[in-house]
Amino acid sequence: MLARTTVTLADDVAAAVEQLRKARGVGLSEALNELARAGLRRAPAKRPFRQRTSSLGLSIDVTDVADALELLDSSATR
């Protein structure tokens, strides 16, 4: 399917299209299509993992798990 459309290219995009067009000896449409396809093939940038934390209002020493669980159980029954 071919579609004719009018677009306004930013200066840097127009320069990249023109550079590719001259380097490959192709027309404007072919150069623009090639650059668009290259952009579509790129993997999306992955967002870095960020751990969300919330203040629970108390500090717990978790070096002794049994003590930590006992502290949490006793505060839950109050």
PDB file of N, CA and C in Angstrom:
ATOM      1  N   MET A   1       0.843  -1.177   0.000  1.00  0.00           N
ATOM      2  CA  MET A   1       0.000   0.000   0.000  1.00  0.00           C
ATOM      3  C   MET A   1       0.889   1.241   0.000  1.00  0.00           C
ATOM      4  N   LEU A   2       0.676   2.099  -0.914  1.00  0.00           N
ATOM      5  CA  LEU A   2       1.397   3.363  -0.982  1.00  0.00           C
ATOM      6  C   LEU A   2       0.482   4.478  -0.515  1.00  0.00           C
ATOM      7  N   ALA A   3       1.047   5.396   0.248  1.00  0.00           N
ATOM      8  CA  ALA A   3       0.269   6.532   0.717  1.00  0.00           C
ATOM      9  C   ALA A   3       1.072   7.799   0.464  1.00  0.00           C
ATOM     10  N   ARG A   4       0.436   8.747  -0.140  1.00  0.00           N
ATOM     11  CA  ARG A   4       1.074  10.051  -0.336  1.00  0.00           C
ATOM     12  C   ARG A   4       0.601  10.951   0.786  1.00  0.00           C
ATOM     13  N   THR A   5       1.567  11.614   1.388  1.00  0.00           N
ATOM     14  CA  THR A   5       1.220  12.508   2.480  1.00  0.00           C
ATOM     15  C   THR A   5       2.242  13.624   2.544  1.00  0.00           C
ATOM     16  N   THR A   6       1.861  14.724   3.100  1.00  0.00           N
ATOM     17  CA  THR A   6       2.778  15.849   3.259  1.00  0.00           C
ATOM     18  C   THR A   6       3.204  15.893   4.712  1.00  0.00           C
ATOM     19  N   VAL A   7       4.507  15.931   4.935  1.00  0.00           N
ATOM     20  CA  VAL A   7       5.040  16.018   6.295  1.00  0.00           C
ATOM     21  C   VAL A   7       6.051  17.141   6.379  1.00  0.00           C
ATOM     22  N   THR A   8       6.240  17.638   7.564  1.00  0.00           N
ATOM     23  CA  THR A   8       7.267  18.642   7.815  1.00  0.00           C
ATOM     24  C   THR A   8       8.353  17.968   8.639  1.00  0.00           C
ATOM     25  N   LEU A   9       9.564  17.917   8.091  1.00  0.00           N
ATOM     26  CA  LEU A   9      10.678  17.268   8.769  1.00  0.00           C
ATOM     27  C   LEU A   9      11.489  18.294   9.546  1.00  0.00           C
ATOM     28  N   ALA A  10      11.909  17.894  10.742  1.00  0.00           N
ATOM     29  CA  ALA A  10      12.824  18.736  11.507  1.00  0.00           C
ATOM     30  C   ALA A  10      14.148  18.803  10.748  1.00  0.00           C
ATOM     31  N   ASP A  11      14.900  19.849  10.980  1.00  0.00           N
ATOM     32  CA  ASP A  11      16.156  20.058  10.248  1.00  0.00           C
ATOM     33  C   ASP A  11      17.102  18.868  10.351  1.00  0.00           C
ATOM     34  N   ASP A  12      17.231  18.276  11.553  1.00  0.00           N
ATOM     35  CA  ASP A  12      18.158  17.159  11.724  1.00  0.00           C
ATOM     36  C   ASP A  12      17.675  15.921  10.971  1.00  0.00           C
ATOM     37  N   VAL A  13      16.358  15.715  10.922  1.00  0.00           N
ATOM     38  CA  VAL A  13      15.807  14.571  10.195  1.00  0.00           C
ATOM     39  C   VAL A  13      15.988  14.780   8.695  1.00  0.00           C
ATOM     40  N   ALA A  14      15.723  15.980   8.220  1.00  0.00           N
ATOM     41  CA  ALA A  14      15.891  16.284   6.796  1.00  0.00           C
ATOM     42  C   ALA A  14      17.350  16.100   6.382  1.00  0.00           C
ATOM     43  N   ALA A  15      18.278  16.494   7.255  1.00  0.00           N
ATOM     44  CA  ALA A  15      19.703  16.331   6.955  1.00  0.00           C
ATOM     45  C   ALA A  15      20.075  14.852   6.892  1.00  0.00           C
ATOM     46  N   ALA A  16      19.524  14.031   7.795  1.00  0.00           N
ATOM     47  CA  ALA A  16      19.808  12.593   7.781  1.00  0.00           C
ATOM     48  C   ALA A  16      19.249  11.945   6.520  1.00  0.00           C
ATOM     49  N   VAL A  17      18.053  12.347   6.113  1.00  0.00           N
ATOM     50  CA  VAL A  17      17.455  11.816   4.886  1.00  0.00           C
ATOM     51  C   VAL A  17      18.302  12.211   3.683  1.00  0.00           C
ATOM     52  N   GLU A  18      18.715  13.438   3.636  1.00  0.00           N
ATOM     53  CA  GLU A  18      19.529  13.922   2.513  1.00  0.00           C
ATOM     54  C   GLU A  18      20.884  13.224   2.481  1.00  0.00           C
ATOM     55  N   GLN A  19      21.485  13.014   3.623  1.00  0.00           N
ATOM     56  CA  GLN A  19      22.777  12.325   3.693  1.00  0.00           C
ATOM     57  C   GLN A  19      22.645  10.890   3.185  1.00  0.00           C
ATOM     58  N   LEU A  20      21.618  10.194   3.613  1.00  0.00           N
ATOM     59  CA  LEU A  20      21.391   8.815   3.173  1.00  0.00           C
ATOM     60  C   LEU A  20      21.076   8.774   1.681  1.00  0.00           C
ATOM     61  N   ARG A  21      20.273   9.724   1.233  1.00  0.00           N
ATOM     62  CA  ARG A  21      19.900   9.787  -0.182  1.00  0.00           C
ATOM     63  C   ARG A  21      21.134   9.932  -1.067  1.00  0.00           C
ATOM     64  N   LYS A  22      22.025  10.822  -0.672  1.00  0.00           N
ATOM     65  CA  LYS A  22      23.248  11.039  -1.457  1.00  0.00           C
ATOM     66  C   LYS A  22      24.190   9.844  -1.366  1.00  0.00           C
ATOM     67  N   ALA A  23      24.339   9.272  -0.168  1.00  0.00           N
ATOM     68  CA  ALA A  23      25.264   8.151   0.024  1.00  0.00           C
ATOM     69  C   ALA A  23      24.828   6.915  -0.756  1.00  0.00           C
ATOM     70  N   ARG A  24      23.542   6.671  -0.824  1.00  0.00           N
ATOM     71  CA  ARG A  24      23.032   5.466  -1.482  1.00  0.00           C
ATOM     72  C   ARG A  24      22.550   5.713  -2.903  1.00  0.00           C
ATOM     73  N   GLY A  25      22.456   6.970  -3.282  1.00  0.00           N
ATOM     74  CA  GLY A  25      21.970   7.282  -4.632  1.00  0.00           C
ATOM     75  C   GLY A  25      20.507   6.910  -4.832  1.00  0.00           C
ATOM     76  N   VAL A  26      19.711   7.118  -3.770  1.00  0.00           N
ATOM     77  CA  VAL A  26      18.285   6.780  -3.843  1.00  0.00           C
ATOM     78  C   VAL A  26      17.452   8.051  -3.761  1.00  0.00           C
ATOM     79  N   GLY A  27      16.179   7.900  -4.013  1.00  0.00           N
ATOM     80  CA  GLY A  27      15.270   9.040  -3.952  1.00  0.00           C
ATOM     81  C   GLY A  27      14.889   9.375  -2.517  1.00  0.00           C
ATOM     82  N   LEU A  28      14.208  10.495  -2.387  1.00  0.00           N
ATOM     83  CA  LEU A  28      13.789  10.986  -1.081  1.00  0.00           C
ATOM     84  C   LEU A  28      12.882   9.986  -0.371  1.00  0.00           C
ATOM     85  N   SER A  29      11.889   9.454  -1.058  1.00  0.00           N
ATOM     86  CA  SER A  29      10.948   8.517  -0.434  1.00  0.00           C
ATOM     87  C   SER A  29      11.652   7.254   0.045  1.00  0.00           C
ATOM     88  N   GLU A  30      12.541   6.721  -0.772  1.00  0.00           N
ATOM     89  CA  GLU A  30      13.244   5.493  -0.381  1.00  0.00           C
ATOM     90  C   GLU A  30      14.131   5.741   0.836  1.00  0.00           C
ATOM     91  N   ALA A  31      14.825   6.867   0.855  1.00  0.00           N
ATOM     92  CA  ALA A  31      15.691   7.195   1.994  1.00  0.00           C
ATOM     93  C   ALA A  31      14.865   7.387   3.261  1.00  0.00           C
ATOM     94  N   LEU A  32      13.744   8.077   3.139  1.00  0.00           N
ATOM     95  CA  LEU A  32      12.891   8.312   4.299  1.00  0.00           C
ATOM     96  C   LEU A  32      12.295   7.000   4.811  1.00  0.00           C
ATOM     97  N   ASN A  33      11.851   6.142   3.900  1.00  0.00           N
ATOM     98  CA  ASN A  33      11.318   4.834   4.298  1.00  0.00           C
ATOM     99  C   ASN A  33      12.376   3.989   5.001  1.00  0.00           C
ATOM    100  N   GLU A  34      13.601   4.016   4.500  1.00  0.00           N
ATOM    101  CA  GLU A  34      14.677   3.232   5.107  1.00  0.00           C
ATOM    102  C   GLU A  34      14.960   3.700   6.532  1.00  0.00           C
ATOM    103  N   LEU A  35      15.010   5.015   6.724  1.00  0.00           N
ATOM    104  CA  LEU A  35      15.247   5.543   8.068  1.00  0.00           C
ATOM    105  C   LEU A  35      14.075   5.239   9.003  1.00  0.00           C
ATOM    106  N   ALA A  36      12.862   5.324   8.496  1.00  0.00           N
ATOM    107  CA  ALA A  36      11.690   5.017   9.326  1.00  0.00           C
ATOM    108  C   ALA A  36      11.698   3.551   9.725  1.00  0.00           C
ATOM    109  N   ARG A  37      12.004   2.654   8.790  1.00  0.00           N
ATOM    110  CA  ARG A  37      12.054   1.223   9.108  1.00  0.00           C
ATOM    111  C   ARG A  37      13.149   0.912  10.122  1.00  0.00           C
ATOM    112  N   ALA A  38      14.296   1.579   9.991  1.00  0.00           N
ATOM    113  CA  ALA A  38      15.386   1.372  10.952  1.00  0.00           C
ATOM    114  C   ALA A  38      14.935   1.791  12.349  1.00  0.00           C
ATOM    115  N   GLY A  39      14.199   2.869  12.443  1.00  0.00           N
ATOM    116  CA  GLY A  39      13.683   3.314  13.736  1.00  0.00           C
ATOM    117  C   GLY A  39      12.668   2.345  14.306  1.00  0.00           C
ATOM    118  N   LEU A  40      11.853   1.740  13.451  1.00  0.00           N
ATOM    119  CA  LEU A  40      10.849   0.776  13.905  1.00  0.00           C
ATOM    120  C   LEU A  40      11.484  -0.521  14.390  1.00  0.00           C
ATOM    121  N   ARG A  41      12.628  -0.892  13.830  1.00  0.00           N
ATOM    122  CA  ARG A  41      13.312  -2.133  14.225  1.00  0.00           C
ATOM    123  C   ARG A  41      14.034  -2.016  15.557  1.00  0.00           C
ATOM    124  N   ARG A  42      14.380  -0.812  15.950  1.00  0.00           N
ATOM    125  CA  ARG A  42      15.114  -0.633  17.207  1.00  0.00           C
ATOM    126  C   ARG A  42      14.268  -1.066  18.384  1.00  0.00           C
ATOM    127  N   ALA A  43      14.909  -1.769  19.302  1.00  0.00           N
ATOM    128  CA  ALA A  43      14.208  -2.195  20.514  1.00  0.00           C
ATOM    129  C   ALA A  43      13.931  -0.974  21.380  1.00  0.00           C
ATOM    130  N   PRO A  44      12.767  -0.932  21.998  1.00  0.00           N
ATOM    131  CA  PRO A  44      12.490   0.206  22.879  1.00  0.00           C
ATOM    132  C   PRO A  44      13.445   0.209  24.067  1.00  0.00           C
ATOM    133  N   ALA A  45      13.770   1.373  24.524  1.00  0.00           N
ATOM    134  CA  ALA A  45      14.670   1.496  25.672  1.00  0.00           C
ATOM    135  C   ALA A  45      14.007   0.907  26.907  1.00  0.00           C
ATOM    136  N   LYS A  46      14.752   0.116  27.636  1.00  0.00           N
ATOM    137  CA  LYS A  46      14.219  -0.479  28.856  1.00  0.00           C
ATOM    138  C   LYS A  46      14.360   0.507  30.004  1.00  0.00           C
ATOM    139  N   ARG A  47      13.296   0.608  30.776  1.00  0.00           N
ATOM    140  CA  ARG A  47      13.356   1.472  31.950  1.00  0.00           C
ATOM    141  C   ARG A  47      14.100   0.730  33.050  1.00  0.00           C
ATOM    142  N   PRO A  48      15.008   1.405  33.722  1.00  0.00           N
ATOM    143  CA  PRO A  48      15.730   0.739  34.810  1.00  0.00           C
ATOM    144  C   PRO A  48      14.772   0.399  35.948  1.00  0.00           C
ATOM    145  N   PHE A  49      15.034  -0.729  36.615  1.00  0.00           N
ATOM    146  CA  PHE A  49      14.208  -1.146  37.737  1.00  0.00           C
ATOM    147  C   PHE A  49      14.437  -0.209  38.912  1.00  0.00           C
ATOM    148  N   ARG A  50      13.370   0.232  39.520  1.00  0.00           N
ATOM    149  CA  ARG A  50      13.455   1.071  40.715  1.00  0.00           C
ATOM    150  C   ARG A  50      12.574   0.466  41.785  1.00  0.00           C
ATOM    151  N   GLN A  51      13.164   0.140  42.911  1.00  0.00           N
ATOM    152  CA  GLN A  51      12.415  -0.412  44.026  1.00  0.00           C
ATOM    153  C   GLN A  51      11.697   0.717  44.754  1.00  0.00           C
ATOM    154  N   ARG A  52      10.408   0.582  44.909  1.00  0.00           N
ATOM    155  CA  ARG A  52       9.642   1.581  45.652  1.00  0.00           C
ATOM    156  C   ARG A  52       9.592   1.155  47.110  1.00  0.00           C
ATOM    157  N   THR A  53       9.795   2.104  47.982  1.00  0.00           N
ATOM    158  CA  THR A  53       9.761   1.808  49.404  1.00  0.00           C
ATOM    159  C   THR A  53       8.787   2.750  50.093  1.00  0.00           C
ATOM    160  N   SER A  54       8.309   2.328  51.220  1.00  0.00           N
ATOM    161  CA  SER A  54       7.420   3.148  52.033  1.00  0.00           C
ATOM    162  C   SER A  54       7.847   3.018  53.487  1.00  0.00           C
ATOM    163  N   SER A  55       7.709   4.099  54.204  1.00  0.00           N
ATOM    164  CA  SER A  55       8.038   4.062  55.621  1.00  0.00           C
ATOM    165  C   SER A  55       6.924   3.339  56.368  1.00  0.00           C
ATOM    166  N   LEU A  56       7.311   2.372  57.179  1.00  0.00           N
ATOM    167  CA  LEU A  56       6.339   1.635  57.985  1.00  0.00           C
ATOM    168  C   LEU A  56       6.252   2.190  59.402  1.00  0.00           C
ATOM    169  N   GLY A  57       7.069   3.160  59.681  1.00  0.00           N
ATOM    170  CA  GLY A  57       7.028   3.790  60.995  1.00  0.00           C
ATOM    171  C   GLY A  57       7.869   3.115  62.052  1.00  0.00           C
ATOM    172  N   LEU A  58       8.543   2.028  61.717  1.00  0.00           N
ATOM    173  CA  LEU A  58       9.417   1.387  62.684  1.00  0.00           C
ATOM    174  C   LEU A  58      10.586   0.735  61.958  1.00  0.00           C
ATOM    175  N   SER A  59      11.670   0.591  62.678  1.00  0.00           N
ATOM    176  CA  SER A  59      12.855  -0.065  62.121  1.00  0.00           C
ATOM    177  C   SER A  59      12.936  -1.470  62.679  1.00  0.00           C
ATOM    178  N   ILE A  60      13.245  -2.412  61.819  1.00  0.00           N
ATOM    179  CA  ILE A  60      13.329  -3.800  62.232  1.00  0.00           C
ATOM    180  C   ILE A  60      14.699  -4.339  61.863  1.00  0.00           C
ATOM    181  N   ASP A  61      15.368  -4.930  62.835  1.00  0.00           N
ATOM    182  CA  ASP A  61      16.639  -5.600  62.588  1.00  0.00           C
ATOM    183  C   ASP A  61      16.308  -7.008  62.088  1.00  0.00           C
ATOM    184  N   VAL A  62      16.613  -7.310  60.846  1.00  0.00           N
ATOM    185  CA  VAL A  62      16.234  -8.598  60.268  1.00  0.00           C
ATOM    186  C   VAL A  62      17.382  -9.605  60.277  1.00  0.00           C
ATOM    187  N   THR A  63      18.406  -9.356  61.080  1.00  0.00           N
ATOM    188  CA  THR A  63      19.486 -10.336  61.162  1.00  0.00           C
ATOM    189  C   THR A  63      19.008 -11.610  61.838  1.00  0.00           C
ATOM    190  N   ASP A  64      17.999 -11.484  62.710  1.00  0.00           N
ATOM    191  CA  ASP A  64      17.389 -12.658  63.339  1.00  0.00           C
ATOM    192  C   ASP A  64      15.926 -12.681  62.900  1.00  0.00           C
ATOM    193  N   VAL A  65      15.616 -13.527  61.936  1.00  0.00           N
ATOM    194  CA  VAL A  65      14.285 -13.559  61.331  1.00  0.00           C
ATOM    195  C   VAL A  65      13.211 -13.888  62.363  1.00  0.00           C
ATOM    196  N   ALA A  66      13.505 -14.795  63.268  1.00  0.00           N
ATOM    197  CA  ALA A  66      12.521 -15.177  64.287  1.00  0.00           C
ATOM    198  C   ALA A  66      12.134 -13.975  65.147  1.00  0.00           C
ATOM    199  N   ASP A  67      13.131 -13.192  65.567  1.00  0.00           N
ATOM    200  CA  ASP A  67      12.835 -11.987  66.361  1.00  0.00           C
ATOM    201  C   ASP A  67      12.028 -10.983  65.548  1.00  0.00           C
ATOM    202  N   ALA A  68      12.382 -10.827  64.275  1.00  0.00           N
ATOM    203  CA  ALA A  68      11.655  -9.887  63.421  1.00  0.00           C
ATOM    204  C   ALA A  68      10.196 -10.306  63.270  1.00  0.00           C
ATOM    205  N   LEU A  69       9.941 -11.594  63.058  1.00  0.00           N
ATOM    206  CA  LEU A  69       8.572 -12.092  62.923  1.00  0.00           C
ATOM    207  C   LEU A  69       7.796 -11.928  64.228  1.00  0.00           C
ATOM    208  N   GLU A  70       8.447 -12.188  65.348  1.00  0.00           N
ATOM    209  CA  GLU A  70       7.797 -12.032  66.642  1.00  0.00           C
ATOM    210  C   GLU A  70       7.415 -10.568  66.876  1.00  0.00           C
ATOM    211  N   LEU A  71       8.318  -9.642  66.498  1.00  0.00           N
ATOM    212  CA  LEU A  71       8.040  -8.209  66.647  1.00  0.00           C
ATOM    213  C   LEU A  71       6.852  -7.814  65.783  1.00  0.00           C
ATOM    214  N   LEU A  72       6.819  -8.299  64.565  1.00  0.00           N
ATOM    215  CA  LEU A  72       5.719  -7.962  63.666  1.00  0.00           C
ATOM    216  C   LEU A  72       4.400  -8.561  64.151  1.00  0.00           C
ATOM    217  N   ASP A  73       4.439  -9.794  64.641  1.00  0.00           N
ATOM    218  CA  ASP A  73       3.223 -10.423  65.154  1.00  0.00           C
ATOM    219  C   ASP A  73       2.698  -9.697  66.378  1.00  0.00           C
ATOM    220  N   SER A  74       3.603  -9.284  67.274  1.00  0.00           N
ATOM    221  CA  SER A  74       3.149  -8.610  68.489  1.00  0.00           C
ATOM    222  C   SER A  74       2.581  -7.224  68.171  1.00  0.00           C
ATOM    223  N   SER A  75       3.124  -6.531  67.172  1.00  0.00           N
ATOM    224  CA  SER A  75       2.592  -5.206  66.816  1.00  0.00           C
ATOM    225  C   SER A  75       1.279  -5.333  66.057  1.00  0.00           C
ATOM    226  N   ALA A  76       1.033  -6.461  65.396  1.00  0.00           N
ATOM    227  CA  ALA A  76      -0.216  -6.652  64.647  1.00  0.00           C
ATOM    228  C   ALA A  76      -1.377  -6.968  65.596  1.00  0.00           C
ATOM    229  N   THR A  77      -1.090  -7.535  66.757  1.00  0.00           N
ATOM    230  CA  THR A  77      -2.159  -7.910  67.682  1.00  0.00           C
ATOM    231  C   THR A  77      -2.538  -6.788  68.616  1.00  0.00           C
ATOM    232  N   ARG A  78      -1.817  -5.710  68.575  1.00  0.00           N
ATOM    233  CA  ARG A  78      -2.125  -4.575  69.466  1.00  0.00           C
ATOM    234  C   ARG A  78      -3.292  -3.779  68.976  1.00  0.00           C
TER     235      ARG A  78
END
